[in-house]
């Protein structure tokens, strides 16, 4: 049985309605779809389980996996709306309820979202040319000065945005779009483009002369990742702790 996924906006949240069977074969489809709709920065992502058949309690782990991904970036909560007796029994025996909230209805889930934590956000879109890395560093410097982020964290932020923007310019024909956010002591830098696909951390070799790019991002950031966007491209993000 195929898995079909639909989404709709409701009171600022994205409600995902899956139909079909959730099993090992459709696990990745569900996980990637939930993380993709989260890149649009809704108040929450709510999964309505009413029309979904679930193969086993192990299949439910897809929701904790998506919850973890969305929590790292962009910090969007994932919630479940109970899908009936069978689903309720699986949720009761599995670990899903330990990690994310489960509500009886979508309406109850929306009512429970609450206010998001205070945050500061800045955006800029650049052109696809090598000089954009310098412009990106200037943008981050100005934003961090306004937000009181300085010292080693600022230096790391400049390094991250330099590598992420350079990666877009060198490997896509797309304009890099930067989103920087400060929330709960975490500074996140995300750079999106219009080209789908995963990014690859390349081995620089034994001499380390090629150290840079995503390898440097992976070594500098507290966490980083790459997720598809709802527009068909991708976003590569990285986070730093400011305290």
Protein backbone atom coordinates (compact mmCIF):
# COMPACT_ATOMS: atom_id res chain seq x y z
CA UNK A 1 0.00 0.00 0.00
CA UNK A 2 1.33 3.43 -0.95
CA UNK A 3 1.78 6.31 1.45
CA UNK A 4 0.17 9.60 0.39
CA UNK A 5 0.91 12.86 2.17
CA UNK A 6 -1.09 16.07 2.01
CA UNK A 7 -0.54 19.33 3.85
CA UNK A 8 -2.70 22.33 4.69
CA UNK A 9 -2.25 25.53 6.67
CA UNK A 10 -4.40 26.00 9.74
CA UNK A 11 -4.01 28.85 12.24
CA UNK A 12 -0.35 29.27 11.33
CA UNK A 13 0.42 25.55 11.71
CA UNK A 14 1.00 23.01 8.96
CA UNK A 15 -1.32 20.01 9.26
CA UNK A 16 -0.01 16.90 7.50
CA UNK A 17 -2.60 14.24 6.64
CA UNK A 18 -1.03 10.91 5.66
CA UNK A 19 -3.08 8.09 4.15
CA UNK A 20 -1.95 4.56 3.40
CA UNK A 21 0.54 2.42 5.29
CA UNK A 22 3.45 3.55 7.45
CA UNK A 23 6.06 0.79 7.42
CA UNK A 24 9.78 0.33 6.88
CA UNK A 25 9.44 0.96 3.14
CA UNK A 26 7.68 4.32 3.65
CA UNK A 27 9.61 5.43 6.75
CA UNK A 28 12.00 7.69 4.82
CA UNK A 29 9.21 9.27 2.80
CA UNK A 30 7.36 10.28 5.96
CA UNK A 31 10.49 11.57 7.74
CA UNK A 32 11.67 13.66 4.79
CA UNK A 33 8.22 15.13 4.15
CA UNK A 34 7.82 16.25 7.76
CA UNK A 35 11.25 17.90 7.85
CA UNK A 36 10.60 19.55 4.47
CA UNK A 37 7.35 21.23 5.52
CA UNK A 38 9.11 22.43 8.67
CA UNK A 39 11.49 24.57 6.59
CA UNK A 40 8.57 26.94 5.88
CA UNK A 41 8.72 27.85 9.60
CA UNK A 42 5.11 27.18 10.66
CA UNK A 43 4.02 27.54 14.29
CA UNK A 44 4.05 23.74 14.46
CA UNK A 45 3.83 20.66 12.26
CA UNK A 46 0.82 18.56 13.26
CA UNK A 47 0.34 15.03 11.91
CA UNK A 48 -3.29 13.89 11.71
CA UNK A 49 -3.08 10.11 12.13
CA UNK A 50 -6.78 9.48 11.48
CA UNK A 51 -6.41 7.93 8.01
CA UNK A 52 -3.02 6.29 8.51
CA UNK A 53 -2.38 2.58 8.94
CA UNK A 54 0.69 1.85 11.06
CA UNK A 55 2.55 -1.41 10.61
CA UNK A 56 4.14 -1.63 14.06
CA UNK A 57 5.44 0.34 17.02
CA UNK A 58 8.87 0.46 15.36
CA UNK A 59 7.38 2.43 12.47
CA UNK A 60 6.30 5.10 14.96
CA UNK A 61 9.95 5.98 15.55
CA UNK A 62 9.76 8.06 12.37
CA UNK A 63 7.96 10.72 14.40
CA UNK A 64 10.66 10.91 17.07
CA UNK A 65 13.28 11.10 14.30
CA UNK A 66 11.44 13.98 12.61
CA UNK A 67 10.88 15.62 16.00
CA UNK A 68 14.63 15.56 16.64
CA UNK A 69 15.45 16.99 13.21
CA UNK A 70 12.92 19.79 13.47
CA UNK A 71 14.09 20.58 16.99
CA UNK A 72 17.68 21.05 15.83
CA UNK A 73 16.61 23.33 12.98
CA UNK A 74 14.43 25.31 12.43
CA UNK A 75 13.13 24.73 15.97
CA UNK A 76 9.56 23.89 14.94
CA UNK A 77 7.53 21.63 17.27
CA UNK A 78 6.07 18.38 15.93
CA UNK A 79 2.75 17.18 17.34
CA UNK A 80 0.48 14.20 16.70
CA UNK A 81 -3.30 14.01 16.58
CA UNK A 82 -4.53 10.59 17.73
CA UNK A 83 -5.84 8.37 14.96
CA UNK A 84 -8.21 6.01 16.74
CA UNK A 85 -8.15 2.87 18.86
CA UNK A 86 -5.44 0.95 16.97
CA UNK A 87 -3.11 3.94 16.79
CA UNK A 88 -3.76 4.75 20.43
CA UNK A 89 -2.76 1.22 21.41
CA UNK A 90 0.49 1.45 19.43
CA UNK A 91 1.29 4.83 20.94
CA UNK A 92 0.65 3.43 24.41
CA UNK A 93 3.14 0.59 23.93
CA UNK A 94 5.81 2.57 22.07
CA UNK A 95 8.13 5.37 23.15
CA UNK A 96 6.67 8.12 20.97
CA UNK A 97 4.65 9.72 23.77
CA UNK A 98 7.84 10.19 25.78
CA UNK A 99 9.31 12.53 23.19
CA UNK A 100 6.49 14.50 21.60
CA UNK A 101 2.93 15.52 22.48
CA UNK A 102 -0.06 13.49 21.32
CA UNK A 103 -3.53 15.08 21.27
CA UNK A 104 -6.98 13.67 20.59
CA UNK A 105 -7.73 16.06 17.71
CA UNK A 106 -5.99 18.53 15.43
CA UNK A 107 -7.95 21.36 17.06
CA UNK A 108 -6.64 20.38 20.49
CA UNK A 109 -3.10 20.23 19.12
CA UNK A 110 -3.42 23.74 17.69
CA UNK A 111 -4.76 25.06 20.99
CA UNK A 112 -1.76 23.54 22.77
CA UNK A 113 0.94 25.10 20.59
CA UNK A 114 1.44 28.12 22.81
CA UNK A 115 3.71 31.07 22.17
CA UNK A 116 7.08 30.44 20.48
CA UNK A 117 10.22 31.35 22.44
CA UNK A 118 11.62 34.85 21.86
CA UNK A 119 13.88 34.96 18.83
CA UNK A 120 15.59 37.34 16.45
CA UNK A 121 15.71 36.63 12.72
CA UNK A 122 17.43 38.28 9.75
CA UNK A 123 17.38 37.38 6.04
CA UNK A 124 19.30 38.35 2.94
CA UNK A 125 19.44 37.06 -0.64
CA UNK A 126 22.71 37.31 -2.54
CA UNK A 127 23.78 36.80 -6.14
CA UNK A 128 25.61 33.76 -7.45
CA UNK A 129 29.17 35.06 -7.62
CA UNK A 130 32.32 34.53 -5.59
CA UNK A 131 32.10 38.00 -4.05
CA UNK A 132 28.93 36.94 -2.27
CA UNK A 133 30.94 35.17 0.44
CA UNK A 134 32.46 38.53 1.42
CA UNK A 135 29.03 40.17 1.39
CA UNK A 136 27.69 37.33 3.55
CA UNK A 137 30.46 37.83 6.11
CA UNK A 138 29.62 41.53 6.27
CA UNK A 139 25.94 40.73 6.77
CA UNK A 140 26.69 38.32 9.63
CA UNK A 141 29.06 40.84 11.23
CA UNK A 142 26.36 43.53 11.23
CA UNK A 143 23.65 41.21 12.54
CA UNK A 144 25.84 39.77 15.30
CA UNK A 145 26.93 43.26 16.38
CA UNK A 146 23.27 44.26 16.69
CA UNK A 147 22.47 41.10 18.67
CA UNK A 148 25.49 41.29 20.96
CA UNK A 149 27.21 38.19 19.56
CA UNK A 150 30.98 38.67 19.55
CA UNK A 151 34.33 36.98 20.17
CA UNK A 152 34.89 33.33 19.21
CA UNK A 153 31.20 32.78 18.39
CA UNK A 154 31.30 35.60 15.85
CA UNK A 155 34.45 34.18 14.27
CA UNK A 156 32.84 30.76 13.98
CA UNK A 157 29.68 32.30 12.51
CA UNK A 158 31.74 34.10 9.87
CA UNK A 159 33.52 30.86 9.01
CA UNK A 160 30.23 28.97 8.69
CA UNK A 161 28.49 31.49 6.46
CA UNK A 162 31.60 31.81 4.30
CA UNK A 163 31.73 28.06 3.66
CA UNK A 164 27.97 27.63 3.17
CA UNK A 165 27.67 30.50 0.70
CA UNK A 166 30.81 29.46 -1.17
CA UNK A 167 29.40 25.94 -1.48
CA UNK A 168 26.23 27.29 -3.13
CA UNK A 169 28.15 29.55 -5.49
CA UNK A 170 30.60 26.84 -6.55
CA UNK A 171 28.17 23.95 -6.95
CA UNK A 172 24.84 25.49 -8.03
CA UNK A 173 23.65 28.24 -10.33
CA UNK A 174 21.33 29.48 -7.62
CA UNK A 175 21.30 32.66 -5.57
CA UNK A 176 22.28 31.91 -1.94
CA UNK A 177 19.61 32.93 0.58
CA UNK A 178 20.76 33.39 4.17
CA UNK A 179 18.60 33.10 7.26
CA UNK A 180 20.25 33.76 10.62
CA UNK A 181 18.40 33.32 13.90
CA UNK A 182 19.15 33.71 17.60
CA UNK A 183 16.92 31.79 19.98
CA UNK A 184 17.47 30.37 23.47
CA UNK A 185 21.21 30.85 23.31
CA UNK A 186 21.56 29.15 19.91
CA UNK A 187 22.70 31.00 16.80
CA UNK A 188 21.65 29.26 13.59
CA UNK A 189 22.84 30.06 10.09
CA UNK A 190 20.96 28.53 7.16
CA UNK A 191 21.75 28.97 3.47
CA UNK A 192 19.23 27.77 0.91
CA UNK A 193 19.38 27.35 -2.86
CA UNK A 194 17.13 26.12 -5.66
CA UNK A 195 18.98 22.88 -6.45
CA UNK A 196 17.65 19.66 -4.86
CA UNK A 197 19.80 16.88 -3.47
CA UNK A 198 22.09 16.10 -0.56
CA UNK A 199 25.40 17.77 0.14
CA UNK A 200 28.56 15.72 0.63
CA UNK A 201 31.41 16.16 3.10
CA UNK A 202 34.53 15.43 1.08
CA UNK A 203 37.74 13.96 2.51
CA UNK A 204 40.51 16.54 2.00
CA UNK A 205 43.19 13.86 1.93
CA UNK A 206 46.08 13.05 4.20
CA UNK A 207 47.91 16.35 3.65
CA UNK A 208 44.82 18.34 4.84
CA UNK A 209 45.55 21.11 2.30
CA UNK A 210 41.96 20.86 1.14
CA UNK A 211 40.46 21.36 4.59
CA UNK A 212 37.39 23.54 4.18
CA UNK A 213 33.86 23.45 2.87
CA UNK A 214 31.40 21.21 4.63
CA UNK A 215 34.12 19.34 6.52
CA UNK A 216 35.02 22.60 8.23
CA UNK A 217 31.32 23.28 8.86
CA UNK A 218 30.94 19.85 10.46
CA UNK A 219 33.96 20.43 12.70
CA UNK A 220 32.91 23.94 13.76
CA UNK A 221 29.15 23.72 14.30
CA UNK A 222 27.40 22.20 17.30
CA UNK A 223 25.02 20.59 14.82
CA UNK A 224 24.43 20.89 11.08
CA UNK A 225 22.33 19.28 8.39
CA UNK A 226 20.76 19.47 4.97
CA UNK A 227 17.02 19.24 4.29
CA UNK A 228 14.88 19.68 1.18
CA UNK A 229 12.69 22.76 0.94
CA UNK A 230 9.04 22.86 -0.07
CA UNK A 231 10.08 24.85 -3.15
CA UNK A 232 12.16 22.00 -4.53
CA UNK A 233 15.61 23.14 -3.43
CA UNK A 234 17.57 22.52 -0.24
CA UNK A 235 18.81 24.33 2.83
CA UNK A 236 22.05 23.63 4.65
CA UNK A 237 22.02 24.82 8.26
CA UNK A 238 24.46 24.97 11.15
CA UNK A 239 24.15 26.02 14.79
CA UNK A 240 26.42 27.52 17.45
CA UNK A 241 25.84 27.97 21.17
CA UNK A 242 26.21 31.54 22.38
CA UNK A 243 26.20 30.68 26.09
